[in-house]
Amino acid sequence: TGVGHVAYRCSSPEALARRVAAVE
């Protein structure tokens, strides 16, 4: 049992780029 992954849809391509930069 368990979860494979938790996914979030970002609000824009720019928001995705900002979050990726923060994670990296």
PDB file of all heavy atoms in Angstrom:
ATOM      1  N   THR A   1       0.844  -1.188   0.000  1.00  0.00           N
ATOM      2  CA  THR A   1       0.000   0.000   0.000  1.00  0.00           C
ATOM      3  C   THR A   1       0.882   1.242   0.000  1.00  0.00           C
ATOM      4  O   THR A   1       2.064   1.169   0.322  1.00  0.00           O
ATOM      5  CB  THR A   1      -0.902   0.031   1.241  1.00  0.00           C
ATOM      6  OG1 THR A   1      -0.072   0.013   2.404  1.00  0.00           O
ATOM      7  CG2 THR A   1      -1.847  -1.141   1.261  1.00  0.00           C
ATOM      8  N   GLY A   2       0.317   2.359  -0.339  1.00  0.00           N
ATOM      9  CA  GLY A   2       1.072   3.601  -0.299  1.00  0.00           C
ATOM     10  C   GLY A   2       0.711   4.508  -1.448  1.00  0.00           C
ATOM     11  O   GLY A   2      -0.205   4.241  -2.222  1.00  0.00           O
ATOM     12  N   VAL A   3       1.441   5.576  -1.559  1.00  0.00           N
ATOM     13  CA  VAL A   3       1.236   6.543  -2.624  1.00  0.00           C
ATOM     14  C   VAL A   3       2.498   6.571  -3.486  1.00  0.00           C
ATOM     15  O   VAL A   3       3.607   6.608  -2.962  1.00  0.00           O
ATOM     16  CB  VAL A   3       0.885   7.937  -2.053  1.00  0.00           C
ATOM     17  CG1 VAL A   3       2.003   8.502  -1.209  1.00  0.00           C
ATOM     18  CG2 VAL A   3       0.509   8.904  -3.140  1.00  0.00           C
ATOM     19  N   GLY A   4       2.309   6.514  -4.803  1.00  0.00           N
ATOM     20  CA  GLY A   4       3.452   6.567  -5.715  1.00  0.00           C
ATOM     21  C   GLY A   4       4.095   7.942  -5.717  1.00  0.00           C
ATOM     22  O   GLY A   4       5.305   8.077  -5.641  1.00  0.00           O
ATOM     23  N   HIS A   5       3.267   8.973  -5.808  1.00  0.00           N
ATOM     24  CA  HIS A   5       3.745  10.343  -5.712  1.00  0.00           C
ATOM     25  C   HIS A   5       2.566  11.278  -5.472  1.00  0.00           C
ATOM     26  O   HIS A   5       1.423  10.932  -5.733  1.00  0.00           O
ATOM     27  CB  HIS A   5       4.531  10.765  -6.965  1.00  0.00           C
ATOM     28  CG  HIS A   5       3.704  10.878  -8.217  1.00  0.00           C
ATOM     29  ND1 HIS A   5       3.451   9.800  -9.035  1.00  0.00           N
ATOM     30  CD2 HIS A   5       3.079  11.933  -8.771  1.00  0.00           C
ATOM     31  CE1 HIS A   5       2.712  10.192 -10.055  1.00  0.00           C
ATOM     32  NE2 HIS A   5       2.461  11.485  -9.921  1.00  0.00           N
ATOM     33  N   VAL A   6       2.875  12.456  -4.968  1.00  0.00           N
ATOM     34  CA  VAL A   6       1.901  13.515  -4.766  1.00  0.00           C
ATOM     35  C   VAL A   6       2.205  14.575  -5.816  1.00  0.00           C
ATOM     36  O   VAL A   6       3.333  15.066  -5.888  1.00  0.00           O
ATOM     37  CB  VAL A   6       1.996  14.126  -3.347  1.00  0.00           C
ATOM     38  CG1 VAL A   6       1.027  15.284  -3.185  1.00  0.00           C
ATOM     39  CG2 VAL A   6       1.777  13.065  -2.288  1.00  0.00           C
ATOM     40  N   ALA A   7       1.221  14.906  -6.659  1.00  0.00           N
ATOM     41  CA  ALA A   7       1.451  15.849  -7.750  1.00  0.00           C
ATOM     42  C   ALA A   7       0.665  17.135  -7.539  1.00  0.00           C
ATOM     43  O   ALA A   7      -0.470  17.106  -7.073  1.00  0.00           O
ATOM     44  CB  ALA A   7       1.068  15.216  -9.086  1.00  0.00           C
ATOM     45  N   TYR A   8       1.277  18.230  -7.912  1.00  0.00           N
ATOM     46  CA  TYR A   8       0.639  19.537  -7.880  1.00  0.00           C
ATOM     47  C   TYR A   8       0.729  20.165  -9.263  1.00  0.00           C
ATOM     48  O   TYR A   8       1.795  20.168  -9.873  1.00  0.00           O
ATOM     49  CB  TYR A   8       1.356  20.493  -6.908  1.00  0.00           C
ATOM     50  CG  TYR A   8       1.066  20.241  -5.463  1.00  0.00           C
ATOM     51  CD1 TYR A   8       1.906  19.450  -4.693  1.00  0.00           C
ATOM     52  CD2 TYR A   8      -0.027  20.826  -4.844  1.00  0.00           C
ATOM     53  CE1 TYR A   8       1.648  19.231  -3.351  1.00  0.00           C
ATOM     54  CE2 TYR A   8      -0.285  20.617  -3.498  1.00  0.00           C
ATOM     55  CZ  TYR A   8       0.559  19.813  -2.764  1.00  0.00           C
ATOM     56  OH  TYR A   8       0.306  19.612  -1.437  1.00  0.00           O
ATOM     57  N   ARG A   9      -0.398  20.702  -9.726  1.00  0.00           N
ATOM     58  CA  ARG A   9      -0.377  21.481 -10.966  1.00  0.00           C
ATOM     59  C   ARG A   9      -0.086  22.917 -10.581  1.00  0.00           C
ATOM     60  O   ARG A   9      -0.791  23.528  -9.762  1.00  0.00           O
ATOM     61  CB  ARG A   9      -1.711  21.411 -11.704  1.00  0.00           C
ATOM     62  CG  ARG A   9      -1.665  22.201 -12.998  1.00  0.00           C
ATOM     63  CD  ARG A   9      -2.931  22.021 -13.821  1.00  0.00           C
ATOM     64  NE  ARG A   9      -2.749  22.633 -15.115  1.00  0.00           N
ATOM     65  CZ  ARG A   9      -3.433  23.695 -15.538  1.00  0.00           C
ATOM     66  NH1 ARG A   9      -4.361  24.228 -14.763  1.00  0.00           N
ATOM     67  NH2 ARG A   9      -3.211  24.192 -16.735  1.00  0.00           N
ATOM     68  N   CYS A  10       0.951  23.489 -11.163  1.00  0.00           N
ATOM     69  CA  CYS A  10       1.314  24.879 -10.889  1.00  0.00           C
ATOM     70  C   CYS A  10       0.345  25.817 -11.606  1.00  0.00           C
ATOM     71  O   CYS A  10      -0.333  25.425 -12.546  1.00  0.00           O
ATOM     72  CB  CYS A  10       2.747  25.134 -11.333  1.00  0.00           C
ATOM     73  SG  CYS A  10       3.954  24.205 -10.362  1.00  0.00           S
ATOM     74  N   SER A  11       0.293  27.051 -11.180  1.00  0.00           N
ATOM     75  CA  SER A  11      -0.670  28.013 -11.715  1.00  0.00           C
ATOM     76  C   SER A  11      -0.270  28.586 -13.068  1.00  0.00           C
ATOM     77  O   SER A  11      -1.096  29.198 -13.742  1.00  0.00           O
ATOM     78  CB  SER A  11      -0.896  29.144 -10.709  1.00  0.00           C
ATOM     79  OG  SER A  11       0.327  29.807 -10.454  1.00  0.00           O
ATOM     80  N   SER A  12       0.976  28.387 -13.480  1.00  0.00           N
ATOM     81  CA  SER A  12       1.450  28.895 -14.771  1.00  0.00           C
ATOM     82  C   SER A  12       2.800  28.258 -15.072  1.00  0.00           C
ATOM     83  O   SER A  12       3.443  27.701 -14.173  1.00  0.00           O
ATOM     84  CB  SER A  12       1.608  30.420 -14.715  1.00  0.00           C
ATOM     85  OG  SER A  12       2.671  30.760 -13.832  1.00  0.00           O
ATOM     86  N   PRO A  13       3.264  28.364 -16.310  1.00  0.00           N
ATOM     87  CA  PRO A  13       4.619  27.873 -16.609  1.00  0.00           C
ATOM     88  C   PRO A  13       5.684  28.611 -15.797  1.00  0.00           C
ATOM     89  O   PRO A  13       6.677  28.021 -15.371  1.00  0.00           O
ATOM     90  CB  PRO A  13       4.784  28.148 -18.106  1.00  0.00           C
ATOM     91  CG  PRO A  13       3.408  28.293 -18.648  1.00  0.00           C
ATOM     92  CD  PRO A  13       2.569  28.824 -17.512  1.00  0.00           C
ATOM     93  N   GLU A  14       5.451  29.891 -15.553  1.00  0.00           N
ATOM     94  CA  GLU A  14       6.404  30.682 -14.771  1.00  0.00           C
ATOM     95  C   GLU A  14       6.434  30.218 -13.318  1.00  0.00           C
ATOM     96  O   GLU A  14       7.500  30.164 -12.694  1.00  0.00           O
ATOM     97  CB  GLU A  14       6.049  32.177 -14.849  1.00  0.00           C
ATOM     98  CG  GLU A  14       6.146  32.774 -16.235  1.00  0.00           C
ATOM     99  CD  GLU A  14       4.968  32.467 -17.152  1.00  0.00           C
ATOM    100  OE1 GLU A  14       3.900  32.030 -16.664  1.00  0.00           O
ATOM    101  OE2 GLU A  14       5.114  32.658 -18.373  1.00  0.00           O
ATOM    102  N   ALA A  15       5.266  29.896 -12.757  1.00  0.00           N
ATOM    103  CA  ALA A  15       5.212  29.387 -11.383  1.00  0.00           C
ATOM    104  C   ALA A  15       5.938  28.051 -11.290  1.00  0.00           C
ATOM    105  O   ALA A  15       6.651  27.795 -10.310  1.00  0.00           O
ATOM    106  CB  ALA A  15       3.760  29.245 -10.927  1.00  0.00           C
ATOM    107  N   LEU A  16       5.776  27.206 -12.302  1.00  0.00           N
ATOM    108  CA  LEU A  16       6.499  25.933 -12.331  1.00  0.00           C
ATOM    109  C   LEU A  16       8.004  26.186 -12.333  1.00  0.00           C
ATOM    110  O   LEU A  16       8.742  25.561 -11.558  1.00  0.00           O
ATOM    111  CB  LEU A  16       6.084  25.107 -13.550  1.00  0.00           C
ATOM    112  CG  LEU A  16       6.864  23.821 -13.797  1.00  0.00           C
ATOM    113  CD1 LEU A  16       6.757  22.857 -12.625  1.00  0.00           C
ATOM    114  CD2 LEU A  16       6.388  23.154 -15.089  1.00  0.00           C
ATOM    115  N   ALA A  17       8.463  27.103 -13.155  1.00  0.00           N
ATOM    116  CA  ALA A  17       9.906  27.417 -13.215  1.00  0.00           C
ATOM    117  C   ALA A  17      10.415  27.934 -11.871  1.00  0.00           C
ATOM    118  O   ALA A  17      11.514  27.559 -11.436  1.00  0.00           O
ATOM    119  CB  ALA A  17      10.167  28.441 -14.317  1.00  0.00           C
ATOM    120  N   ARG A  18       9.620  28.756 -11.190  1.00  0.00           N
ATOM    121  CA  ARG A  18      10.032  29.275  -9.872  1.00  0.00           C
ATOM    122  C   ARG A  18      10.141  28.157  -8.843  1.00  0.00           C
ATOM    123  O   ARG A  18      11.083  28.107  -8.059  1.00  0.00           O
ATOM    124  CB  ARG A  18       9.049  30.342  -9.390  1.00  0.00           C
ATOM    125  CG  ARG A  18       9.153  31.667 -10.116  1.00  0.00           C
ATOM    126  CD  ARG A  18       8.358  32.767  -9.415  1.00  0.00           C
ATOM    127  NE  ARG A  18       6.949  32.467  -9.263  1.00  0.00           N
ATOM    128  CZ  ARG A  18       6.010  32.756 -10.170  1.00  0.00           C
ATOM    129  NH1 ARG A  18       6.343  33.353 -11.298  1.00  0.00           N
ATOM    130  NH2 ARG A  18       4.740  32.467  -9.940  1.00  0.00           N
ATOM    131  N   ARG A  19       9.171  27.244  -8.832  1.00  0.00           N
ATOM    132  CA  ARG A  19       9.196  26.134  -7.874  1.00  0.00           C
ATOM    133  C   ARG A  19      10.362  25.200  -8.174  1.00  0.00           C
ATOM    134  O   ARG A  19      11.029  24.729  -7.253  1.00  0.00           O
ATOM    135  CB  ARG A  19       7.880  25.354  -7.902  1.00  0.00           C
ATOM    136  CG  ARG A  19       6.712  26.018  -7.242  1.00  0.00           C
ATOM    137  CD  ARG A  19       6.886  26.142  -5.723  1.00  0.00           C
ATOM    138  NE  ARG A  19       7.321  27.471  -5.371  1.00  0.00           N
ATOM    139  CZ  ARG A  19       8.058  27.796  -4.328  1.00  0.00           C
ATOM    140  NH1 ARG A  19       8.457  26.895  -3.476  1.00  0.00           N
ATOM    141  NH2 ARG A  19       8.433  29.022  -4.091  1.00  0.00           N
ATOM    142  N   VAL A  20      10.608  24.905  -9.448  1.00  0.00           N
ATOM    143  CA  VAL A  20      11.735  24.041  -9.826  1.00  0.00           C
ATOM    144  C   VAL A  20      13.043  24.671  -9.361  1.00  0.00           C
ATOM    145  O   VAL A  20      13.904  23.997  -8.789  1.00  0.00           O
ATOM    146  CB  VAL A  20      11.757  23.765 -11.343  1.00  0.00           C
ATOM    147  CG1 VAL A  20      13.070  23.134 -11.783  1.00  0.00           C
ATOM    148  CG2 VAL A  20      10.576  22.873 -11.733  1.00  0.00           C
ATOM    149  N   ALA A  21      13.197  25.976  -9.562  1.00  0.00           N
ATOM    150  CA  ALA A  21      14.410  26.673  -9.114  1.00  0.00           C
ATOM    151  C   ALA A  21      14.563  26.581  -7.599  1.00  0.00           C
ATOM    152  O   ALA A  21      15.674  26.372  -7.089  1.00  0.00           O
ATOM    153  CB  ALA A  21      14.375  28.129  -9.565  1.00  0.00           C
ATOM    154  N   ALA A  22      13.454  26.702  -6.860  1.00  0.00           N
ATOM    155  CA  ALA A  22      13.514  26.608  -5.397  1.00  0.00           C
ATOM    156  C   ALA A  22      13.930  25.212  -4.957  1.00  0.00           C
ATOM    157  O   ALA A  22      14.747  25.061  -4.038  1.00  0.00           O
ATOM    158  CB  ALA A  22      12.154  26.972  -4.791  1.00  0.00           C
ATOM    159  N   VAL A  23      13.387  24.190  -5.602  1.00  0.00           N
ATOM    160  CA  VAL A  23      13.750  22.810  -5.247  1.00  0.00           C
ATOM    161  C   VAL A  23      15.217  22.557  -5.573  1.00  0.00           C
ATOM    162  O   VAL A  23      15.960  21.983  -4.768  1.00  0.00           O
ATOM    163  CB  VAL A  23      12.842  21.790  -5.973  1.00  0.00           C
ATOM    164  CG1 VAL A  23      13.321  20.365  -5.727  1.00  0.00           C
ATOM    165  CG2 VAL A  23      11.397  21.945  -5.529  1.00  0.00           C
ATOM    166  N   GLU A  24      15.650  22.973  -6.757  1.00  0.00           N
ATOM    167  CA  GLU A  24      17.045  22.743  -7.159  1.00  0.00           C
ATOM    168  C   GLU A  24      18.029  23.475  -6.261  1.00  0.00           C
ATOM    169  O   GLU A  24      19.141  22.996  -6.041  1.00  0.00           O
ATOM    170  CB  GLU A  24      17.245  23.142  -8.620  1.00  0.00           C
ATOM    171  CG  GLU A  24      16.558  22.192  -9.580  1.00  0.00           C
ATOM    172  CD  GLU A  24      16.727  22.564 -11.038  1.00  0.00           C
ATOM    173  OE1 GLU A  24      16.832  23.780 -11.351  1.00  0.00           O
ATOM    174  OE2 GLU A  24      16.736  21.642 -11.863  1.00  0.00           O
TER     175      GLU A  24
END
